[in-house]
C-alpha atoms as a PDB file:
ATOM      1  CA  MET A   1      39.208 -36.422 -20.645  1.00  0.00           C
ATOM      2  CA  THR A   2      36.563 -37.441 -23.161  1.00  0.00           C
ATOM      3  CA  PRO A   3      37.108 -38.327 -26.832  1.00  0.00           C
ATOM      4  CA  LEU A   4      35.187 -35.155 -27.761  1.00  0.00           C
ATOM      5  CA  MET A   5      37.657 -32.964 -25.900  1.00  0.00           C
ATOM      6  CA  ASP A   6      40.575 -34.867 -27.401  1.00  0.00           C
ATOM      7  CA  ASP A   7      39.204 -34.206 -30.883  1.00  0.00           C
ATOM      8  CA  LEU A   8      38.549 -30.531 -30.111  1.00  0.00           C
ATOM      9  CA  ALA A   9      42.050 -30.074 -28.762  1.00  0.00           C
ATOM     10  CA  ARG A  10      43.574 -31.796 -31.790  1.00  0.00           C
ATOM     11  CA  LEU A  11      41.512 -29.807 -34.319  1.00  0.00           C
ATOM     12  CA  SER A  12      41.947 -26.434 -32.613  1.00  0.00           C
ATOM     13  CA  GLY A  13      45.575 -26.867 -31.713  1.00  0.00           C
ATOM     14  CA  LEU A  14      44.864 -25.894 -28.091  1.00  0.00           C
ATOM     15  CA  SER A  15      45.881 -27.770 -24.990  1.00  0.00           C
ATOM     16  CA  LEU A  16      43.538 -30.262 -23.371  1.00  0.00           C
ATOM     17  CA  ASP A  17      43.533 -28.223 -20.152  1.00  0.00           C
ATOM     18  CA  LEU A  18      42.301 -25.121 -21.956  1.00  0.00           C
ATOM     19  CA  VAL A  19      39.629 -27.053 -23.856  1.00  0.00           C
ATOM     20  CA  ARG A  20      38.351 -28.666 -20.645  1.00  0.00           C
ATOM     21  CA  THR A  21      38.206 -25.345 -18.813  1.00  0.00           C
ATOM     22  CA  ALA A  22      36.495 -23.600 -21.733  1.00  0.00           C
ATOM     23  CA  PHE A  23      33.944 -26.408 -21.935  1.00  0.00           C
ATOM     24  CA  LEU A  24      33.080 -26.068 -18.249  1.00  0.00           C
ATOM     25  CA  VAL A  25      32.933 -22.275 -18.440  1.00  0.00           C
ATOM     26  CA  PHE A  26      30.603 -22.487 -21.432  1.00  0.00           C
ATOM     27  CA  ALA A  27      28.252 -24.728 -19.432  1.00  0.00           C
ATOM     28  CA  ARG A  28      27.933 -22.098 -16.678  1.00  0.00           C
ATOM     29  CA  VAL A  29      27.793 -19.105 -19.001  1.00  0.00           C
ATOM     30  CA  GLY A  30      25.289 -20.726 -21.370  1.00  0.00           C
ATOM     31  CA  ALA A  31      22.929 -21.612 -18.526  1.00  0.00           C
ATOM     32  CA  ALA A  32      23.170 -18.080 -17.133  1.00  0.00           C
ATOM     33  CA  ILE A  33      22.627 -16.436 -20.530  1.00  0.00           C
ATOM     34  CA  ALA A  34      19.366 -18.364 -20.909  1.00  0.00           C
ATOM     35  CA  LEU A  35      17.927 -16.548 -17.873  1.00  0.00           C
ATOM     36  CA  VAL A  36      19.581 -13.133 -17.569  1.00  0.00           C
ATOM     37  CA  PRO A  37      17.524 -10.031 -18.398  1.00  0.00           C
ATOM     38  CA  GLY A  38      17.842  -8.576 -21.861  1.00  0.00           C
ATOM     39  CA  LEU A  39      20.141 -11.236 -23.298  1.00  0.00           C
ATOM     40  CA  GLY A  40      18.024 -14.246 -22.351  1.00  0.00           C
ATOM     41  CA  GLU A  41      14.620 -13.020 -23.529  1.00  0.00           C
ATOM     42  CA  ALA A  42      12.482 -15.429 -25.539  1.00  0.00           C
ATOM     43  CA  THR A  43      12.290 -12.907 -28.386  1.00  0.00           C
ATOM     44  CA  ILE A  44      16.050 -13.212 -29.000  1.00  0.00           C
ATOM     45  CA  PRO A  45      16.864 -15.972 -31.520  1.00  0.00           C
ATOM     46  CA  ALA A  46      18.592 -19.058 -30.155  1.00  0.00           C
ATOM     47  CA  ARG A  47      21.565 -18.561 -32.479  1.00  0.00           C
ATOM     48  CA  VAL A  48      22.143 -15.071 -31.110  1.00  0.00           C
ATOM     49  CA  ARG A  49      22.053 -16.369 -27.533  1.00  0.00           C
ATOM     50  CA  LEU A  50      24.499 -19.125 -28.486  1.00  0.00           C
ATOM     51  CA  ALA A  51      26.850 -16.541 -29.987  1.00  0.00           C
ATOM     52  CA  LEU A  52      26.565 -14.451 -26.806  1.00  0.00           C
ATOM     53  CA  ALA A  53      27.364 -17.487 -24.659  1.00  0.00           C
ATOM     54  CA  LEU A  54      30.463 -18.209 -26.763  1.00  0.00           C
ATOM     55  CA  ALA A  55      31.567 -14.565 -26.566  1.00  0.00           C
ATOM     56  CA  TYR A  56      31.180 -14.426 -22.779  1.00  0.00           C
ATOM     57  CA  SER A  57      32.958 -17.781 -22.431  1.00  0.00           C
ATOM     58  CA  THR A  58      35.905 -16.343 -24.342  1.00  0.00           C
ATOM     59  CA  VAL A  59      36.075 -13.469 -21.850  1.00  0.00           C
ATOM     60  CA  VAL A  60      35.607 -15.549 -18.690  1.00  0.00           C
ATOM     61  CA  THR A  61      37.829 -18.557 -19.474  1.00  0.00           C
ATOM     62  CA  PRO A  62      41.229 -16.826 -19.113  1.00  0.00           C
ATOM     63  CA  CYS A  63      40.174 -15.444 -15.710  1.00  0.00           C
ATOM     64  CA  VAL A  64      39.390 -18.865 -14.220  1.00  0.00           C
ATOM     65  CA  MET A  65      42.181 -20.924 -15.791  1.00  0.00           C
ATOM     66  CA  PRO A  66      44.462 -20.737 -12.718  1.00  0.00           C
ATOM     67  CA  GLN A  67      41.842 -22.264 -10.391  1.00  0.00           C
ATOM     68  CA  ALA A  68      40.594 -24.965 -12.762  1.00  0.00           C
ATOM     69  CA  SER A  69      41.352 -28.591 -11.896  1.00  0.00           C
ATOM     70  CA  GLN A  70      42.425 -30.711 -14.855  1.00  0.00           C
ATOM     71  CA  ASP A  71      42.031 -34.154 -13.270  1.00  0.00           C
ATOM     72  CA  GLY A  72      39.103 -36.565 -13.093  1.00  0.00           C
ATOM     73  CA  PRO A  73      35.991 -37.092 -15.231  1.00  0.00           C
ATOM     74  CA  VAL A  74      34.133 -34.143 -16.688  1.00  0.00           C
ATOM     75  CA  THR A  75      30.533 -35.302 -16.217  1.00  0.00           C
ATOM     76  CA  LEU A  76      30.003 -34.223 -12.600  1.00  0.00           C
ATOM     77  CA  PRO A  77      31.838 -30.881 -13.018  1.00  0.00           C
ATOM     78  CA  LEU A  78      29.723 -30.222 -16.098  1.00  0.00           C
ATOM     79  CA  LEU A  79      26.504 -30.748 -14.127  1.00  0.00           C
ATOM     80  CA  ALA A  80      27.822 -28.562 -11.317  1.00  0.00           C
ATOM     81  CA  GLU A  81      28.690 -25.760 -13.735  1.00  0.00           C
ATOM     82  CA  THR A  82      25.249 -25.915 -15.358  1.00  0.00           C
ATOM     83  CA  ALA A  83      23.609 -25.692 -11.939  1.00  0.00           C
ATOM     84  CA  ALA A  84      25.828 -22.724 -11.047  1.00  0.00           C
ATOM     85  CA  GLY A  85      24.775 -20.905 -14.202  1.00  0.00           C
ATOM     86  CA  LEU A  86      21.111 -21.531 -13.493  1.00  0.00           C
ATOM     87  CA  VAL A  87      21.460 -20.227  -9.934  1.00  0.00           C
ATOM     88  CA  LEU A  88      23.273 -17.142 -11.196  1.00  0.00           C
ATOM     89  CA  GLY A  89      20.713 -16.426 -13.907  1.00  0.00           C
ATOM     90  CA  PHE A  90      17.762 -17.127 -11.619  1.00  0.00           C
ATOM     91  CA  GLY A  91      18.716 -14.280  -9.303  1.00  0.00           C
ATOM     92  CA  PHE A  92      18.775 -11.800 -12.183  1.00  0.00           C
ATOM     93  CA  ARG A  93      15.561 -13.172 -13.699  1.00  0.00           C
ATOM     94  CA  MET A  94      13.769 -12.692 -10.383  1.00  0.00           C
ATOM     95  CA  LEU A  95      14.350  -8.950 -10.731  1.00  0.00           C
ATOM     96  CA  VAL A  96      12.535  -8.934 -14.066  1.00  0.00           C
ATOM     97  CA  ALA A  97       9.792 -11.040 -12.509  1.00  0.00           C
ATOM     98  CA  ALA A  98       9.571  -8.463  -9.698  1.00  0.00           C
ATOM     99  CA  LEU A  99       8.965  -5.741 -12.268  1.00  0.00           C
ATOM    100  CA  GLN A 100       6.267  -7.822 -13.957  1.00  0.00           C
ATOM    101  CA  ILE A 101       4.615  -8.727 -10.645  1.00  0.00           C
ATOM    102  CA  ALA A 102       4.595  -5.066  -9.637  1.00  0.00           C
ATOM    103  CA  ALA A 103       2.968  -4.166 -12.943  1.00  0.00           C
ATOM    104  CA  SER A 104       0.302  -6.846 -12.465  1.00  0.00           C
ATOM    105  CA  ILE A 105      -0.482  -5.561  -8.966  1.00  0.00           C
ATOM    106  CA  ALA A 106      -0.651  -1.992 -10.255  1.00  0.00           C
ATOM    107  CA  ALA A 107      -2.896  -2.973 -13.145  1.00  0.00           C
ATOM    108  CA  GLN A 108      -5.256  -4.929 -10.898  1.00  0.00           C
ATOM    109  CA  SER A 109      -5.464  -1.989  -8.492  1.00  0.00           C
ATOM    110  CA  THR A 110      -6.424   0.472 -11.233  1.00  0.00           C
ATOM    111  CA  SER A 111      -8.657  -1.723 -13.457  1.00  0.00           C
ATOM    112  CA  LEU A 112      -6.071  -1.698 -16.277  1.00  0.00           C
ATOM    113  CA  ALA A 113      -5.245  -5.405 -16.056  1.00  0.00           C
ATOM    114  CA  GLN A 114      -6.995  -6.440 -19.272  1.00  0.00           C
ATOM    115  CA  MET A 115      -5.991  -3.429 -21.334  1.00  0.00           C
ATOM    116  CA  THR A 116      -3.861  -4.433 -24.331  1.00  0.00           C
ATOM    117  CA  ALA A 117      -2.679  -7.706 -22.780  1.00  0.00           C
ATOM    118  CA  GLY A 118      -0.031  -9.673 -24.604  1.00  0.00           C
ATOM    119  CA  VAL A 119      -0.781 -12.728 -26.714  1.00  0.00           C
ATOM    120  CA  GLY A 120       2.148 -14.851 -25.553  1.00  0.00           C
ATOM    121  CA  PRO A 121       2.072 -17.825 -23.191  1.00  0.00           C
ATOM    122  CA  GLU A 122       2.404 -15.405 -20.245  1.00  0.00           C
ATOM    123  CA  PRO A 123       0.141 -12.421 -21.028  1.00  0.00           C
ATOM    124  CA  GLN A 124       1.106  -9.160 -19.388  1.00  0.00           C
ATOM    125  CA  PRO A 125      -1.049  -6.064 -18.927  1.00  0.00           C
ATOM    126  CA  ALA A 126      -0.093  -2.879 -20.712  1.00  0.00           C
ATOM    127  CA  ILE A 127       1.784  -1.582 -17.669  1.00  0.00           C
ATOM    128  CA  GLY A 128       3.816  -4.795 -17.551  1.00  0.00           C
ATOM    129  CA  GLN A 129       4.801  -4.513 -21.203  1.00  0.00           C
ATOM    130  CA  LEU A 130       5.772  -0.882 -20.718  1.00  0.00           C
ATOM    131  CA  TRP A 131       7.792  -1.381 -17.532  1.00  0.00           C
ATOM    132  CA  THR A 132       9.577  -4.501 -18.766  1.00  0.00           C
ATOM    133  CA  ALA A 133      10.662  -2.898 -22.040  1.00  0.00           C
ATOM    134  CA  ALA A 134      11.709   0.326 -20.306  1.00  0.00           C
ATOM    135  CA  GLY A 135      13.534  -1.535 -17.525  1.00  0.00           C
ATOM    136  CA  LEU A 136      15.510  -3.673 -19.967  1.00  0.00           C
ATOM    137  CA  ALA A 137      16.397  -0.560 -21.977  1.00  0.00           C
ATOM    138  CA  LEU A 138      17.683   1.121 -18.806  1.00  0.00           C
ATOM    139  CA  ALA A 139      19.674  -2.011 -17.931  1.00  0.00           C
ATOM    140  CA  MET A 140      21.363  -1.993 -21.323  1.00  0.00           C
ATOM    141  CA  MET A 141      22.110   1.713 -21.030  1.00  0.00           C
ATOM    142  CA  ALA A 142      23.698   1.055 -17.624  1.00  0.00           C
ATOM    143  CA  GLY A 143      26.182  -1.374 -19.192  1.00  0.00           C
ATOM    144  CA  LEU A 144      24.445  -4.676 -18.463  1.00  0.00           C
ATOM    145  CA  HIS A 145      26.668  -6.559 -20.896  1.00  0.00           C
ATOM    146  CA  VAL A 146      29.843  -5.447 -19.107  1.00  0.00           C
ATOM    147  CA  ARG A 147      28.459  -5.858 -15.578  1.00  0.00           C
ATOM    148  CA  LEU A 148      27.256  -9.342 -16.474  1.00  0.00           C
ATOM    149  CA  ALA A 149      30.756 -10.428 -17.487  1.00  0.00           C
ATOM    150  CA  VAL A 150      32.123  -9.122 -14.175  1.00  0.00           C
ATOM    151  CA  ALA A 151      29.345 -10.939 -12.273  1.00  0.00           C
ATOM    152  CA  MET A 152      30.134 -14.212 -14.053  1.00  0.00           C
ATOM    153  CA  ILE A 153      33.805 -13.940 -13.135  1.00  0.00           C
ATOM    154  CA  ALA A 154      32.913 -13.052  -9.542  1.00  0.00           C
ATOM    155  CA  SER A 155      30.615 -16.086  -9.303  1.00  0.00           C
ATOM    156  CA  TYR A 156      33.655 -18.384  -9.266  1.00  0.00           C
ATOM    157  CA  GLY A 157      34.571 -16.974  -5.864  1.00  0.00           C
ATOM    158  CA  PHE A 158      31.318 -18.343  -4.419  1.00  0.00           C
ATOM    159  CA  TRP A 159      31.036 -21.463  -6.581  1.00  0.00           C
ATOM    160  CA  PRO A 160      34.485 -22.706  -7.715  1.00  0.00           C
ATOM    161  CA  ILE A 161      34.713 -24.200 -11.160  1.00  0.00           C
ATOM    162  CA  GLY A 162      33.660 -27.840 -11.126  1.00  0.00           C
ATOM    163  CA  GLY A 163      32.953 -27.741  -7.384  1.00  0.00           C
ATOM    164  CA  VAL A 164      29.812 -28.103  -5.309  1.00  0.00           C
ATOM    165  CA  PRO A 165      29.121 -25.403  -2.679  1.00  0.00           C
ATOM    166  CA  ASP A 166      27.188 -25.825   0.531  1.00  0.00           C
ATOM    167  CA  LEU A 167      23.665 -26.808  -0.541  1.00  0.00           C
ATOM    168  CA  ALA A 168      22.132 -25.171   2.537  1.00  0.00           C
ATOM    169  CA  GLN A 169      23.801 -21.921   1.534  1.00  0.00           C
ATOM    170  CA  VAL A 170      22.468 -22.253  -2.019  1.00  0.00           C
ATOM    171  CA  ALA A 171      18.943 -22.903  -0.706  1.00  0.00           C
ATOM    172  CA  GLN A 172      19.181 -19.878   1.569  1.00  0.00           C
ATOM    173  CA  LEU A 173      20.362 -17.809  -1.383  1.00  0.00           C
ATOM    174  CA  GLY A 174      17.417 -18.932  -3.525  1.00  0.00           C
ATOM    175  CA  LEU A 175      14.888 -18.141  -0.807  1.00  0.00           C
ATOM    176  CA  GLY A 176      16.517 -14.759  -0.297  1.00  0.00           C
ATOM    177  CA  GLN A 177      16.293 -13.970  -4.010  1.00  0.00           C
ATOM    178  CA  ILE A 178      12.606 -14.903  -4.119  1.00  0.00           C
ATOM    179  CA  SER A 179      11.891 -12.885  -0.988  1.00  0.00           C
ATOM    180  CA  ARG A 180      13.758  -9.898  -2.377  1.00  0.00           C
ATOM    181  CA  GLY A 181      11.857 -10.138  -5.670  1.00  0.00           C
ATOM    182  CA  PHE A 182       8.409 -10.099  -4.067  1.00  0.00           C
ATOM    183  CA  SER A 183       9.423  -7.376  -1.623  1.00  0.00           C
ATOM    184  CA  LEU A 184      10.683  -5.212  -4.483  1.00  0.00           C
ATOM    185  CA  ALA A 185       7.519  -5.874  -6.492  1.00  0.00           C
ATOM    186  CA  LEU A 186       5.253  -4.809  -3.645  1.00  0.00           C
ATOM    187  CA  SER A 187       7.347  -1.697  -2.996  1.00  0.00           C
ATOM    188  CA  LEU A 188       7.162  -0.650  -6.648  1.00  0.00           C
ATOM    189  CA  ALA A 189       3.398  -1.210  -6.833  1.00  0.00           C
ATOM    190  CA  MET A 190       2.575   0.459  -3.510  1.00  0.00           C
ATOM    191  CA  PRO A 191       1.527   3.846  -4.994  1.00  0.00           C
ATOM    192  CA  PHE A 192      -1.059   2.070  -7.136  1.00  0.00           C
ATOM    193  CA  VAL A 193      -2.265  -0.037  -4.201  1.00  0.00           C
ATOM    194  CA  ILE A 194      -2.718   3.097  -2.085  1.00  0.00           C
ATOM    195  CA  GLY A 195      -4.449   4.904  -4.947  1.00  0.00           C
ATOM    196  CA  GLY A 196      -6.839   1.987  -5.490  1.00  0.00           C
ATOM    197  CA  PHE A 197      -7.614   1.832  -1.775  1.00  0.00           C
ATOM    198  CA  LEU A 198      -8.375   5.566  -1.605  1.00  0.00           C
ATOM    199  CA  TYR A 199     -10.580   5.269  -4.679  1.00  0.00           C
ATOM    200  CA  ASN A 200     -12.628   2.429  -3.225  1.00  0.00           C
ATOM    201  CA  LEU A 201     -12.912   4.254   0.092  1.00  0.00           C
ATOM    202  CA  SER A 202     -14.175   7.387  -1.666  1.00  0.00           C
ATOM    203  CA  ILE A 203     -16.671   5.386  -3.715  1.00  0.00           C
ATOM    204  CA  ALA A 204     -17.956   3.720  -0.556  1.00  0.00           C
ATOM    205  CA  ILE A 205     -18.457   7.077   1.166  1.00  0.00           C
ATOM    206  CA  ILE A 206     -20.235   8.573  -1.867  1.00  0.00           C
ATOM    207  CA  ASN A 207     -22.449   5.520  -2.224  1.00  0.00           C
ATOM    208  CA  ARG A 208     -23.336   5.718   1.459  1.00  0.00           C
ATOM    209  CA  ALA A 209     -24.239   9.386   1.201  1.00  0.00           C
ATOM    210  CA  MET A 210     -26.107   9.116  -2.142  1.00  0.00           C
ATOM    211  CA  PRO A 211     -27.552   5.612  -2.561  1.00  0.00           C
ATOM    212  CA  GLN A 212     -29.484   6.597  -5.708  1.00  0.00           C
ATOM    213  CA  LEU A 213     -26.329   7.612  -7.572  1.00  0.00           C
ATOM    214  CA  MET A 214     -24.802   4.927  -9.822  1.00  0.00           C
ATOM    215  CA  VAL A 215     -21.299   5.363  -8.539  1.00  0.00           C
ATOM    216  CA  SER A 216     -19.895   2.563 -10.687  1.00  0.00           C
ATOM    217  CA  MET A 217     -20.779   4.461 -13.872  1.00  0.00           C
ATOM    218  CA  ILE A 218     -18.863   7.484 -12.600  1.00  0.00           C
ATOM    219  CA  GLY A 219     -16.122   5.716 -10.677  1.00  0.00           C
ATOM    220  CA  ALA A 220     -14.872   3.329 -13.384  1.00  0.00           C
ATOM    221  CA  PRO A 221     -13.652   6.088 -15.749  1.00  0.00           C
ATOM    222  CA  ALA A 222     -12.261   7.989 -12.764  1.00  0.00           C
ATOM    223  CA  LEU A 223     -10.256   4.939 -11.676  1.00  0.00           C
ATOM    224  CA  ALA A 224      -8.870   4.481 -15.186  1.00  0.00           C
ATOM    225  CA  TRP A 225      -7.797   8.124 -15.288  1.00  0.00           C
ATOM    226  CA  LEU A 226      -6.263   7.775 -11.821  1.00  0.00           C
ATOM    227  CA  GLY A 227      -4.264   4.764 -12.961  1.00  0.00           C
ATOM    228  CA  LEU A 228      -2.965   6.543 -16.058  1.00  0.00           C
ATOM    229  CA  LEU A 229      -2.065   9.636 -14.022  1.00  0.00           C
ATOM    230  CA  LEU A 230      -0.180   7.546 -11.471  1.00  0.00           C
ATOM    231  CA  LEU A 231       1.575   5.729 -14.306  1.00  0.00           C
ATOM    232  CA  LEU A 232       2.715   9.056 -15.735  1.00  0.00           C
ATOM    233  CA  LEU A 233       3.942  10.420 -12.411  1.00  0.00           C
ATOM    234  CA  VAL A 234       5.416   7.306 -10.786  1.00  0.00           C
ATOM    235  CA  THR A 235       7.150   5.479 -13.664  1.00  0.00           C
ATOM    236  CA  PRO A 236      10.126   7.910 -13.891  1.00  0.00           C
ATOM    237  CA  VAL A 237      10.736   7.285 -10.173  1.00  0.00           C
ATOM    238  CA  LEU A 238      10.131   3.532 -10.005  1.00  0.00           C
ATOM    239  CA  LEU A 239      12.297   2.454 -12.921  1.00  0.00           C
ATOM    240  CA  PRO A 240      15.528   4.013 -11.540  1.00  0.00           C
ATOM    241  CA  LEU A 241      14.825   2.221  -8.234  1.00  0.00           C
ATOM    242  CA  TRP A 242      14.528  -1.075 -10.093  1.00  0.00           C
ATOM    243  CA  GLN A 243      17.677  -0.279 -12.047  1.00  0.00           C
ATOM    244  CA  SER A 244      19.561   0.324  -8.786  1.00  0.00           C
ATOM    245  CA  ALA A 245      18.413  -3.074  -7.492  1.00  0.00           C
ATOM    246  CA  LEU A 246      19.626  -4.738 -10.695  1.00  0.00           C
ATOM    247  CA  VAL A 247      23.007  -3.009 -10.566  1.00  0.00           C
ATOM    248  CA  GLY A 248      23.406  -4.028  -6.918  1.00  0.00           C
ATOM    249  CA  SER A 249      22.580  -7.626  -7.765  1.00  0.00           C
ATOM    250  CA  LEU A 250      25.103  -7.640 -10.612  1.00  0.00           C
ATOM    251  CA  ALA A 251      27.774  -6.251  -8.290  1.00  0.00           C
ATOM    252  CA  ASN A 252      27.112  -8.963  -5.668  1.00  0.00           C
ATOM    253  CA  PRO A 253      25.346 -11.840  -7.452  1.00  0.00           C
ATOM    254  CA  PHE A 254      25.528 -14.229  -4.493  1.00  0.00           C
ATOM    255  CA  THR A 255      24.717 -11.704  -1.772  1.00  0.00           C
ATOM    256  CA  VAL A 256      21.050 -10.906  -1.096  1.00  0.00           C
ATOM    257  CA  THR A 257      20.513  -7.440   0.321  1.00  0.00           C
ATOM    258  CA  PRO A 258      17.094  -6.290   1.622  1.00  0.00           C
END
């Protein structure tokens, strides 16, 4: 035990075992909260995220007390718990990145990439802003806060508290999460890719048949209208698919499904 834990136990009136376990749980939960969708966004104040991490730690700690080891130094278990939280949060963050990547592909395919881009360090096209906000709203409506607590508790079955899992398995999990994210992004953006391809094919045929016609002057507005029409028709279908992927990931945070 460290002097800090001794002081916390003495001031709070709790046992040293409980303080140690809560400290380790907070390390995992705090690292995960920094990356999870909705709760870990940069627009949320740091104090709010800290309060969320403390609240989730209060929920998770009693569930993992029976399997917590109370012997040995706390430094290595603390590093292991932080790494576990980052791995857990990374998988969920990749789903938000998939939505943003899909929006970027869709915007590039329909010439809407520079329309109302954000002013932050990572500018997003208008479609990206729309899909990200709508996706996070759907996640919250689906009970993200409750599902996240269940996922955090379930993570101790794959990565025991204070322990180090098989690094090869963790690497395989990370590659699977990245692969799943890009695959999901391409699937969501496919209608826009197909629409952009058909547009360019039509423009090429028209230009071949009528070389004197300035097809770019006619085609650019048509492509913008096509992109907006696809956005109107496809968004109500794509967002529930993304929500299903998020719910599946929360149900099995350390299992990558295609």
